[in-house]
Amino acid sequence: MAMVNVEPFPPAQMVRSLSENLTALLPHLSLKLLKSAAAHANLRLHAVQAEVLVLASGKDNMLPSEDEAKRLSSLLKNCKVHNFKDNGHTLLLVGCLI
């Protein structure tokens, strides 16, 4: 019987290698999970019975807030939309709702 002498990775090197591999995979896994979750949620919006208030930012540079607000208001039975035309993505952080 042949024997092979395999040296294990030193713990620090193993942790570094695992971390680099997971970090490289994370964006792909996160995007796939996000798309799956969004599709699942979108299929069930028609069943929401609660009153919903959607706050949309007119100057949101990260997300299409106004378009999404229109889409949600067409799918949710009891939805009210309030547009903040002069606010951006950080709508809830700037104190404009007071």
PDB file of N, CA and C in Angstrom:
ATOM      1  N   MET A   1       0.845  -1.164   0.000  1.00  0.00           N
ATOM      2  CA  MET A   1       0.000   0.000   0.000  1.00  0.00           C
ATOM      3  C   MET A   1       0.897   1.235   0.000  1.00  0.00           C
ATOM      4  N   ALA A   2       0.568   2.190  -0.893  1.00  0.00           N
ATOM      5  CA  ALA A   2       1.348   3.424  -1.011  1.00  0.00           C
ATOM      6  C   ALA A   2       0.875   4.420   0.026  1.00  0.00           C
ATOM      7  N   MET A   3       1.788   5.182   0.553  1.00  0.00           N
ATOM      8  CA  MET A   3       1.455   6.204   1.541  1.00  0.00           C
ATOM      9  C   MET A   3       1.895   7.553   1.006  1.00  0.00           C
ATOM     10  N   VAL A   4       1.081   8.544   1.231  1.00  0.00           N
ATOM     11  CA  VAL A   4       1.399   9.893   0.798  1.00  0.00           C
ATOM     12  C   VAL A   4       1.436  10.775   2.032  1.00  0.00           C
ATOM     13  N   ASN A   5       2.468  11.558   2.135  1.00  0.00           N
ATOM     14  CA  ASN A   5       2.596  12.471   3.248  1.00  0.00           C
ATOM     15  C   ASN A   5       2.019  13.824   2.835  1.00  0.00           C
ATOM     16  N   VAL A   6       0.849  14.166   3.351  1.00  0.00           N
ATOM     17  CA  VAL A   6       0.184  15.422   3.011  1.00  0.00           C
ATOM     18  C   VAL A   6       0.285  16.365   4.203  1.00  0.00           C
ATOM     19  N   GLU A   7       0.877  17.493   3.969  1.00  0.00           N
ATOM     20  CA  GLU A   7       1.018  18.498   5.022  1.00  0.00           C
ATOM     21  C   GLU A   7      -0.255  19.348   5.060  1.00  0.00           C
ATOM     22  N   PRO A   8      -0.893  19.474   6.199  1.00  0.00           N
ATOM     23  CA  PRO A   8      -2.080  20.340   6.273  1.00  0.00           C
ATOM     24  C   PRO A   8      -1.684  21.810   6.179  1.00  0.00           C
ATOM     25  N   PHE A   9      -2.636  22.610   5.696  1.00  0.00           N
ATOM     26  CA  PHE A   9      -2.412  24.058   5.677  1.00  0.00           C
ATOM     27  C   PHE A   9      -2.245  24.547   7.106  1.00  0.00           C
ATOM     28  N   PRO A  10      -1.351  25.494   7.321  1.00  0.00           N
ATOM     29  CA  PRO A  10      -1.328  26.144   8.642  1.00  0.00           C
ATOM     30  C   PRO A  10      -2.676  26.827   8.871  1.00  0.00           C
ATOM     31  N   PRO A  11      -3.180  26.867  10.100  1.00  0.00           N
ATOM     32  CA  PRO A  11      -4.508  27.438  10.364  1.00  0.00           C
ATOM     33  C   PRO A  11      -4.705  28.841   9.796  1.00  0.00           C
ATOM     34  N   ALA A  12      -3.741  29.715   9.931  1.00  0.00           N
ATOM     35  CA  ALA A  12      -3.894  31.089   9.423  1.00  0.00           C
ATOM     36  C   ALA A  12      -4.051  31.095   7.911  1.00  0.00           C
ATOM     37  N   GLN A  13      -3.273  30.266   7.228  1.00  0.00           N
ATOM     38  CA  GLN A  13      -3.361  30.198   5.762  1.00  0.00           C
ATOM     39  C   GLN A  13      -4.702  29.611   5.331  1.00  0.00           C
ATOM     40  N   MET A  14      -5.199  28.612   6.066  1.00  0.00           N
ATOM     41  CA  MET A  14      -6.488  28.006   5.728  1.00  0.00           C
ATOM     42  C   MET A  14      -7.622  29.015   5.889  1.00  0.00           C
ATOM     43  N   VAL A  15      -7.588  29.755   6.987  1.00  0.00           N
ATOM     44  CA  VAL A  15      -8.624  30.771   7.225  1.00  0.00           C
ATOM     45  C   VAL A  15      -8.573  31.834   6.135  1.00  0.00           C
ATOM     46  N   ARG A  16      -7.389  32.285   5.775  1.00  0.00           N
ATOM     47  CA  ARG A  16      -7.241  33.293   4.726  1.00  0.00           C
ATOM     48  C   ARG A  16      -7.771  32.769   3.391  1.00  0.00           C
ATOM     49  N   SER A  17      -7.434  31.527   3.065  1.00  0.00           N
ATOM     50  CA  SER A  17      -7.882  30.927   1.805  1.00  0.00           C
ATOM     51  C   SER A  17      -9.406  30.791   1.771  1.00  0.00           C
ATOM     52  N   LEU A  18      -9.995  30.308   2.856  1.00  0.00           N
ATOM     53  CA  LEU A  18     -11.460  30.195   2.921  1.00  0.00           C
ATOM     54  C   LEU A  18     -12.126  31.558   2.808  1.00  0.00           C
ATOM     55  N   SER A  19     -11.574  32.536   3.493  1.00  0.00           N
ATOM     56  CA  SER A  19     -12.128  33.880   3.461  1.00  0.00           C
ATOM     57  C   SER A  19     -12.103  34.460   2.050  1.00  0.00           C
ATOM     58  N   GLU A  20     -10.996  34.289   1.354  1.00  0.00           N
ATOM     59  CA  GLU A  20     -10.886  34.811  -0.015  1.00  0.00           C
ATOM     60  C   GLU A  20     -11.870  34.118  -0.943  1.00  0.00           C
ATOM     61  N   ASN A  21     -12.018  32.801  -0.806  1.00  0.00           N
ATOM     62  CA  ASN A  21     -12.948  32.068  -1.658  1.00  0.00           C
ATOM     63  C   ASN A  21     -14.393  32.476  -1.395  1.00  0.00           C
ATOM     64  N   LEU A  22     -14.763  32.611  -0.124  1.00  0.00           N
ATOM     65  CA  LEU A  22     -16.129  33.010   0.210  1.00  0.00           C
ATOM     66  C   LEU A  22     -16.413  34.442  -0.219  1.00  0.00           C
ATOM     67  N   THR A  23     -15.431  35.309  -0.047  1.00  0.00           N
ATOM     68  CA  THR A  23     -15.602  36.704  -0.455  1.00  0.00           C
ATOM     69  C   THR A  23     -15.825  36.804  -1.957  1.00  0.00           C
ATOM     70  N   ALA A  24     -15.149  35.975  -2.728  1.00  0.00           N
ATOM     71  CA  ALA A  24     -15.319  35.981  -4.184  1.00  0.00           C
ATOM     72  C   ALA A  24     -16.696  35.457  -4.584  1.00  0.00           C
ATOM     73  N   LEU A  25     -17.231  34.498  -3.839  1.00  0.00           N
ATOM     74  CA  LEU A  25     -18.524  33.901  -4.173  1.00  0.00           C
ATOM     75  C   LEU A  25     -19.717  34.717  -3.677  1.00  0.00           C
ATOM     76  N   LEU A  26     -19.526  35.476  -2.622  1.00  0.00           N
ATOM     77  CA  LEU A  26     -20.633  36.158  -1.964  1.00  0.00           C
ATOM     78  C   LEU A  26     -21.479  37.044  -2.881  1.00  0.00           C
ATOM     79  N   PRO A  27     -20.894  37.903  -3.719  1.00  0.00           N
ATOM     80  CA  PRO A  27     -21.751  38.737  -4.582  1.00  0.00           C
ATOM     81  C   PRO A  27     -22.647  37.909  -5.501  1.00  0.00           C
ATOM     82  N   HIS A  28     -22.151  36.804  -6.014  1.00  0.00           N
ATOM     83  CA  HIS A  28     -22.937  35.968  -6.915  1.00  0.00           C
ATOM     84  C   HIS A  28     -24.071  35.269  -6.167  1.00  0.00           C
ATOM     85  N   LEU A  29     -23.770  34.761  -4.978  1.00  0.00           N
ATOM     86  CA  LEU A  29     -24.796  34.102  -4.178  1.00  0.00           C
ATOM     87  C   LEU A  29     -25.841  35.098  -3.698  1.00  0.00           C
ATOM     88  N   SER A  30     -25.398  36.274  -3.257  1.00  0.00           N
ATOM     89  CA  SER A  30     -26.325  37.288  -2.756  1.00  0.00           C
ATOM     90  C   SER A  30     -27.283  37.744  -3.846  1.00  0.00           C
ATOM     91  N   LEU A  31     -26.774  37.981  -5.041  1.00  0.00           N
ATOM     92  CA  LEU A  31     -27.624  38.423  -6.144  1.00  0.00           C
ATOM     93  C   LEU A  31     -28.627  37.345  -6.530  1.00  0.00           C
ATOM     94  N   LYS A  32     -28.189  36.098  -6.554  1.00  0.00           N
ATOM     95  CA  LYS A  32     -29.088  34.996  -6.892  1.00  0.00           C
ATOM     96  C   LYS A  32     -30.190  34.861  -5.848  1.00  0.00           C
ATOM     97  N   LEU A  33     -29.829  34.956  -4.575  1.00  0.00           N
ATOM     98  CA  LEU A  33     -30.825  34.875  -3.507  1.00  0.00           C
ATOM     99  C   LEU A  33     -31.783  36.060  -3.543  1.00  0.00           C
ATOM    100  N   LEU A  34     -31.266  37.248  -3.815  1.00  0.00           N
ATOM    101  CA  LEU A  34     -32.095  38.440  -3.892  1.00  0.00           C
ATOM    102  C   LEU A  34     -33.115  38.331  -5.024  1.00  0.00           C
ATOM    103  N   LYS A  35     -32.678  37.877  -6.178  1.00  0.00           N
ATOM    104  CA  LYS A  35     -33.593  37.715  -7.315  1.00  0.00           C
ATOM    105  C   LYS A  35     -34.676  36.687  -7.004  1.00  0.00           C
ATOM    106  N   SER A  36     -34.289  35.603  -6.378  1.00  0.00           N
ATOM    107  CA  SER A  36     -35.244  34.563  -6.017  1.00  0.00           C
ATOM    108  C   SER A  36     -36.264  35.067  -5.003  1.00  0.00           C
ATOM    109  N   ALA A  37     -35.797  35.770  -3.990  1.00  0.00           N
ATOM    110  CA  ALA A  37     -36.694  36.315  -2.959  1.00  0.00           C
ATOM    111  C   ALA A  37     -37.639  37.363  -3.543  1.00  0.00           C
ATOM    112  N   ALA A  38     -37.130  38.218  -4.428  1.00  0.00           N
ATOM    113  CA  ALA A  38     -37.967  39.248  -5.050  1.00  0.00           C
ATOM    114  C   ALA A  38     -39.057  38.619  -5.908  1.00  0.00           C
ATOM    115  N   ALA A  39     -38.706  37.608  -6.669  1.00  0.00           N
ATOM    116  CA  ALA A  39     -39.703  36.925  -7.507  1.00  0.00           C
ATOM    117  C   ALA A  39     -40.778  36.288  -6.632  1.00  0.00           C
ATOM    118  N   HIS A  40     -40.361  35.666  -5.552  1.00  0.00           N
ATOM    119  CA  HIS A  40     -41.300  35.027  -4.621  1.00  0.00           C
ATOM    120  C   HIS A  40     -42.250  36.068  -4.009  1.00  0.00           C
ATOM    121  N   ALA A  41     -41.709  37.184  -3.558  1.00  0.00           N
ATOM    122  CA  ALA A  41     -42.530  38.235  -2.943  1.00  0.00           C
ATOM    123  C   ALA A  41     -43.472  38.877  -3.957  1.00  0.00           C
ATOM    124  N   ASN A  42     -42.987  39.135  -5.156  1.00  0.00           N
ATOM    125  CA  ASN A  42     -43.818  39.785  -6.179  1.00  0.00           C
ATOM    126  C   ASN A  42     -45.033  38.945  -6.544  1.00  0.00           C
ATOM    127  N   LEU A  43     -44.891  37.635  -6.515  1.00  0.00           N
ATOM    128  CA  LEU A  43     -46.016  36.756  -6.840  1.00  0.00           C
ATOM    129  C   LEU A  43     -47.104  36.786  -5.775  1.00  0.00           C
ATOM    130  N   ARG A  44     -46.796  37.298  -4.597  1.00  0.00           N
ATOM    131  CA  ARG A  44     -47.746  37.278  -3.493  1.00  0.00           C
ATOM    132  C   ARG A  44     -48.254  38.660  -3.075  1.00  0.00           C
ATOM    133  N   LEU A  45     -47.867  39.696  -3.790  1.00  0.00           N
ATOM    134  CA  LEU A  45     -48.308  41.043  -3.426  1.00  0.00           C
ATOM    135  C   LEU A  45     -49.823  41.197  -3.490  1.00  0.00           C
ATOM    136  N   HIS A  46     -50.464  40.506  -4.404  1.00  0.00           N
ATOM    137  CA  HIS A  46     -51.916  40.620  -4.548  1.00  0.00           C
ATOM    138  C   HIS A  46     -52.666  40.170  -3.292  1.00  0.00           C
ATOM    139  N   ALA A  47     -52.027  39.346  -2.464  1.00  0.00           N
ATOM    140  CA  ALA A  47     -52.681  38.811  -1.273  1.00  0.00           C
ATOM    141  C   ALA A  47     -52.582  39.736  -0.064  1.00  0.00           C
ATOM    142  N   VAL A  48     -51.820  40.807  -0.146  1.00  0.00           N
ATOM    143  CA  VAL A  48     -51.655  41.720   0.987  1.00  0.00           C
ATOM    144  C   VAL A  48     -52.963  42.474   1.212  1.00  0.00           C
ATOM    145  N   GLN A  49     -53.496  42.366   2.428  1.00  0.00           N
ATOM    146  CA  GLN A  49     -54.757  43.026   2.776  1.00  0.00           C
ATOM    147  C   GLN A  49     -54.536  44.290   3.606  1.00  0.00           C
ATOM    148  N   ALA A  50     -53.382  44.438   4.198  1.00  0.00           N
ATOM    149  CA  ALA A  50     -53.102  45.563   5.086  1.00  0.00           C
ATOM    150  C   ALA A  50     -52.982  46.866   4.312  1.00  0.00           C
ATOM    151  N   GLU A  51     -53.228  47.976   5.010  1.00  0.00           N
ATOM    152  CA  GLU A  51     -53.006  49.287   4.428  1.00  0.00           C
ATOM    153  C   GLU A  51     -51.502  49.517   4.321  1.00  0.00           C
ATOM    154  N   VAL A  52     -51.062  50.008   3.179  1.00  0.00           N
ATOM    155  CA  VAL A  52     -49.630  50.178   2.916  1.00  0.00           C
ATOM    156  C   VAL A  52     -49.357  51.631   2.539  1.00  0.00           C
ATOM    157  N   LEU A  53     -48.334  52.212   3.160  1.00  0.00           N
ATOM    158  CA  LEU A  53     -47.884  53.549   2.805  1.00  0.00           C
ATOM    159  C   LEU A  53     -46.509  53.419   2.167  1.00  0.00           C
ATOM    160  N   VAL A  54     -46.382  53.876   0.929  1.00  0.00           N
ATOM    161  CA  VAL A  54     -45.110  53.829   0.206  1.00  0.00           C
ATOM    162  C   VAL A  54     -44.579  55.253   0.101  1.00  0.00           C
ATOM    163  N   LEU A  55     -43.342  55.452   0.565  1.00  0.00           N
ATOM    164  CA  LEU A  55     -42.679  56.745   0.471  1.00  0.00           C
ATOM    165  C   LEU A  55     -41.685  56.688  -0.676  1.00  0.00           C
ATOM    166  N   ALA A  56     -41.832  57.591  -1.634  1.00  0.00           N
ATOM    167  CA  ALA A  56     -40.971  57.588  -2.820  1.00  0.00           C
ATOM    168  C   ALA A  56     -40.159  58.871  -2.890  1.00  0.00           C
ATOM    169  N   SER A  57     -38.901  58.719  -3.245  1.00  0.00           N
ATOM    170  CA  SER A  57     -37.983  59.861  -3.366  1.00  0.00           C
ATOM    171  C   SER A  57     -37.854  60.267  -4.822  1.00  0.00           C
ATOM    172  N   GLY A  58     -38.010  61.546  -5.080  1.00  0.00           N
ATOM    173  CA  GLY A  58     -37.915  62.045  -6.448  1.00  0.00           C
ATOM    174  C   GLY A  58     -36.499  62.133  -6.979  1.00  0.00           C
ATOM    175  N   LYS A  59     -35.529  62.238  -6.094  1.00  0.00           N
ATOM    176  CA  LYS A  59     -34.132  62.373  -6.524  1.00  0.00           C
ATOM    177  C   LYS A  59     -33.279  61.208  -6.030  1.00  0.00           C
ATOM    178  N   ASP A  60     -33.857  60.017  -6.020  1.00  0.00           N
ATOM    179  CA  ASP A  60     -33.139  58.822  -5.583  1.00  0.00           C
ATOM    180  C   ASP A  60     -32.195  58.375  -6.694  1.00  0.00           C
ATOM    181  N   ASN A  61     -30.897  58.435  -6.430  1.00  0.00           N
ATOM    182  CA  ASN A  61     -29.906  58.050  -7.433  1.00  0.00           C
ATOM    183  C   ASN A  61     -29.524  56.575  -7.361  1.00  0.00           C
ATOM    184  N   MET A  62     -30.046  55.863  -6.372  1.00  0.00           N
ATOM    185  CA  MET A  62     -29.700  54.453  -6.208  1.00  0.00           C
ATOM    186  C   MET A  62     -30.797  53.518  -6.695  1.00  0.00           C
ATOM    187  N   LEU A  63     -32.045  53.910  -6.510  1.00  0.00           N
ATOM    188  CA  LEU A  63     -33.184  53.067  -6.875  1.00  0.00           C
ATOM    189  C   LEU A  63     -34.229  53.911  -7.603  1.00  0.00           C
ATOM    190  N   PRO A  64     -35.000  53.268  -8.461  1.00  0.00           N
ATOM    191  CA  PRO A  64     -36.085  53.995  -9.139  1.00  0.00           C
ATOM    192  C   PRO A  64     -37.311  54.095  -8.231  1.00  0.00           C
ATOM    193  N   SER A  65     -37.219  54.884  -7.187  1.00  0.00           N
ATOM    194  CA  SER A  65     -38.252  54.948  -6.151  1.00  0.00           C
ATOM    195  C   SER A  65     -39.639  55.283  -6.686  1.00  0.00           C
ATOM    196  N   GLU A  66     -39.731  56.285  -7.532  1.00  0.00           N
ATOM    197  CA  GLU A  66     -41.050  56.689  -8.037  1.00  0.00           C
ATOM    198  C   GLU A  66     -41.672  55.615  -8.918  1.00  0.00           C
ATOM    199  N   ASP A  67     -40.871  55.003  -9.763  1.00  0.00           N
ATOM    200  CA  ASP A  67     -41.378  53.917 -10.617  1.00  0.00           C
ATOM    201  C   ASP A  67     -41.820  52.722  -9.774  1.00  0.00           C
ATOM    202  N   GLU A  68     -41.035  52.403  -8.772  1.00  0.00           N
ATOM    203  CA  GLU A  68     -41.379  51.283  -7.894  1.00  0.00           C
ATOM    204  C   GLU A  68     -42.635  51.585  -7.093  1.00  0.00           C
ATOM    205  N   ALA A  69     -42.802  52.828  -6.674  1.00  0.00           N
ATOM    206  CA  ALA A  69     -44.009  53.215  -5.950  1.00  0.00           C
ATOM    207  C   ALA A  69     -45.249  53.050  -6.835  1.00  0.00           C
ATOM    208  N   LYS A  70     -45.133  53.436  -8.090  1.00  0.00           N
ATOM    209  CA  LYS A  70     -46.253  53.252  -9.030  1.00  0.00           C
ATOM    210  C   LYS A  70     -46.564  51.782  -9.221  1.00  0.00           C
ATOM    211  N   ARG A  71     -45.525  50.983  -9.364  1.00  0.00           N
ATOM    212  CA  ARG A  71     -45.715  49.543  -9.559  1.00  0.00           C
ATOM    213  C   ARG A  71     -46.407  48.925  -8.341  1.00  0.00           C
ATOM    214  N   LEU A  72     -45.926  49.273  -7.155  1.00  0.00           N
ATOM    215  CA  LEU A  72     -46.520  48.719  -5.939  1.00  0.00           C
ATOM    216  C   LEU A  72     -47.960  49.166  -5.753  1.00  0.00           C
ATOM    217  N   SER A  73     -48.244  50.423  -6.059  1.00  0.00           N
ATOM    218  CA  SER A  73     -49.617  50.917  -5.879  1.00  0.00           C
ATOM    219  C   SER A  73     -50.589  50.232  -6.844  1.00  0.00           C
ATOM    220  N   SER A  74     -50.080  49.777  -7.977  1.00  0.00           N
ATOM    221  CA  SER A  74     -50.961  49.061  -8.908  1.00  0.00           C
ATOM    222  C   SER A  74     -51.188  47.607  -8.487  1.00  0.00           C
ATOM    223  N   LEU A  75     -50.302  47.058  -7.658  1.00  0.00           N
ATOM    224  CA  LEU A  75     -50.410  45.661  -7.248  1.00  0.00           C
ATOM    225  C   LEU A  75     -51.034  45.475  -5.862  1.00  0.00           C
ATOM    226  N   LEU A  76     -50.890  46.473  -5.007  1.00  0.00           N
ATOM    227  CA  LEU A  76     -51.412  46.377  -3.644  1.00  0.00           C
ATOM    228  C   LEU A  76     -52.796  47.013  -3.580  1.00  0.00           C
ATOM    229  N   LYS A  77     -53.730  46.302  -2.993  1.00  0.00           N
ATOM    230  CA  LYS A  77     -55.123  46.744  -2.981  1.00  0.00           C
ATOM    231  C   LYS A  77     -55.354  48.021  -2.190  1.00  0.00           C
ATOM    232  N   ASN A  78     -54.668  48.181  -1.095  1.00  0.00           N
ATOM    233  CA  ASN A  78     -54.917  49.298  -0.187  1.00  0.00           C
ATOM    234  C   ASN A  78     -53.621  50.079   0.021  1.00  0.00           C
ATOM    235  N   CYS A  79     -53.142  50.708  -1.044  1.00  0.00           N
ATOM    236  CA  CYS A  79     -51.829  51.344  -1.028  1.00  0.00           C
ATOM    237  C   CYS A  79     -51.943  52.847  -1.271  1.00  0.00           C
ATOM    238  N   LYS A  80     -51.243  53.606  -0.448  1.00  0.00           N
ATOM    239  CA  LYS A  80     -51.141  55.053  -0.641  1.00  0.00           C
ATOM    240  C   LYS A  80     -49.685  55.388  -0.890  1.00  0.00           C
ATOM    241  N   VAL A  81     -49.441  56.278  -1.830  1.00  0.00           N
ATOM    242  CA  VAL A  81     -48.077  56.680  -2.177  1.00  0.00           C
ATOM    243  C   VAL A  81     -47.903  58.149  -1.820  1.00  0.00           C
ATOM    244  N   HIS A  82     -46.801  58.456  -1.176  1.00  0.00           N
ATOM    245  CA  HIS A  82     -46.445  59.853  -0.905  1.00  0.00           C
ATOM    246  C   HIS A  82     -45.086  60.105  -1.550  1.00  0.00           C
ATOM    247  N   ASN A  83     -45.042  61.050  -2.484  1.00  0.00           N
ATOM    248  CA  ASN A  83     -43.803  61.381  -3.190  1.00  0.00           C
ATOM    249  C   ASN A  83     -43.117  62.580  -2.539  1.00  0.00           C
ATOM    250  N   PHE A  84     -41.827  62.449  -2.356  1.00  0.00           N
ATOM    251  CA  PHE A  84     -40.984  63.528  -1.850  1.00  0.00           C
ATOM    252  C   PHE A  84     -40.061  63.924  -3.001  1.00  0.00           C
ATOM    253  N   LYS A  85     -40.511  64.869  -3.811  1.00  0.00           N
ATOM    254  CA  LYS A  85     -39.816  65.195  -5.061  1.00  0.00           C
ATOM    255  C   LYS A  85     -38.404  65.749  -4.881  1.00  0.00           C
ATOM    256  N   ASP A  86     -38.124  66.378  -3.750  1.00  0.00           N
ATOM    257  CA  ASP A  86     -36.818  67.009  -3.546  1.00  0.00           C
ATOM    258  C   ASP A  86     -35.852  66.198  -2.687  1.00  0.00           C
ATOM    259  N   ASN A  87     -36.219  64.961  -2.364  1.00  0.00           N
ATOM    260  CA  ASN A  87     -35.371  64.147  -1.507  1.00  0.00           C
ATOM    261  C   ASN A  87     -34.761  62.983  -2.272  1.00  0.00           C
ATOM    262  N   GLY A  88     -33.646  62.494  -1.753  1.00  0.00           N
ATOM    263  CA  GLY A  88     -32.941  61.391  -2.388  1.00  0.00           C
ATOM    264  C   GLY A  88     -33.142  60.077  -1.656  1.00  0.00           C
ATOM    265  N   HIS A  89     -32.147  59.202  -1.790  1.00  0.00           N
ATOM    266  CA  HIS A  89     -32.224  57.846  -1.266  1.00  0.00           C
ATOM    267  C   HIS A  89     -32.309  57.802   0.263  1.00  0.00           C
ATOM    268  N   THR A  90     -31.791  58.798   0.931  1.00  0.00           N
ATOM    269  CA  THR A  90     -31.774  58.809   2.395  1.00  0.00           C
ATOM    270  C   THR A  90     -32.979  59.570   2.965  1.00  0.00           C
ATOM    271  N   LEU A  91     -34.081  59.395   2.367  1.00  0.00           N
ATOM    272  CA  LEU A  91     -35.325  60.081   2.713  1.00  0.00           C
ATOM    273  C   LEU A  91     -35.623  60.052   4.213  1.00  0.00           C
ATOM    274  N   LEU A  92     -35.511  58.909   4.833  1.00  0.00           N
ATOM    275  CA  LEU A  92     -35.867  58.790   6.244  1.00  0.00           C
ATOM    276  C   LEU A  92     -34.798  59.318   7.194  1.00  0.00           C
ATOM    277  N   LEU A  93     -33.633  59.637   6.670  1.00  0.00           N
ATOM    278  CA  LEU A  93     -32.542  60.099   7.520  1.00  0.00           C
ATOM    279  C   LEU A  93     -32.412  61.626   7.583  1.00  0.00           C
ATOM    280  N   VAL A  94     -33.086  62.339   6.709  1.00  0.00           N
ATOM    281  CA  VAL A  94     -32.867  63.787   6.614  1.00  0.00           C
ATOM    282  C   VAL A  94     -33.893  64.621   7.378  1.00  0.00           C
ATOM    283  N   GLY A  95     -34.861  63.989   8.037  1.00  0.00           N
ATOM    284  CA  GLY A  95     -35.813  64.732   8.841  1.00  0.00           C
ATOM    285  C   GLY A  95     -36.883  65.443   8.046  1.00  0.00           C
ATOM    286  N   CYS A  96     -37.076  65.081   6.793  1.00  0.00           N
ATOM    287  CA  CYS A  96     -38.072  65.785   5.968  1.00  0.00           C
ATOM    288  C   CYS A  96     -39.483  65.321   6.267  1.00  0.00           C
ATOM    289  N   LEU A  97     -39.634  64.264   7.032  1.00  0.00           N
ATOM    290  CA  LEU A  97     -40.982  63.750   7.323  1.00  0.00           C
ATOM    291  C   LEU A  97     -41.612  64.422   8.524  1.00  0.00           C
ATOM    292  N   ILE A  98     -40.852  65.253   9.236  1.00  0.00           N
ATOM    293  CA  ILE A  98     -41.362  65.886  10.451  1.00  0.00           C
ATOM    294  C   ILE A  98     -42.229  67.072  10.104  1.00  0.00           C
TER     295      ILE A  98
END
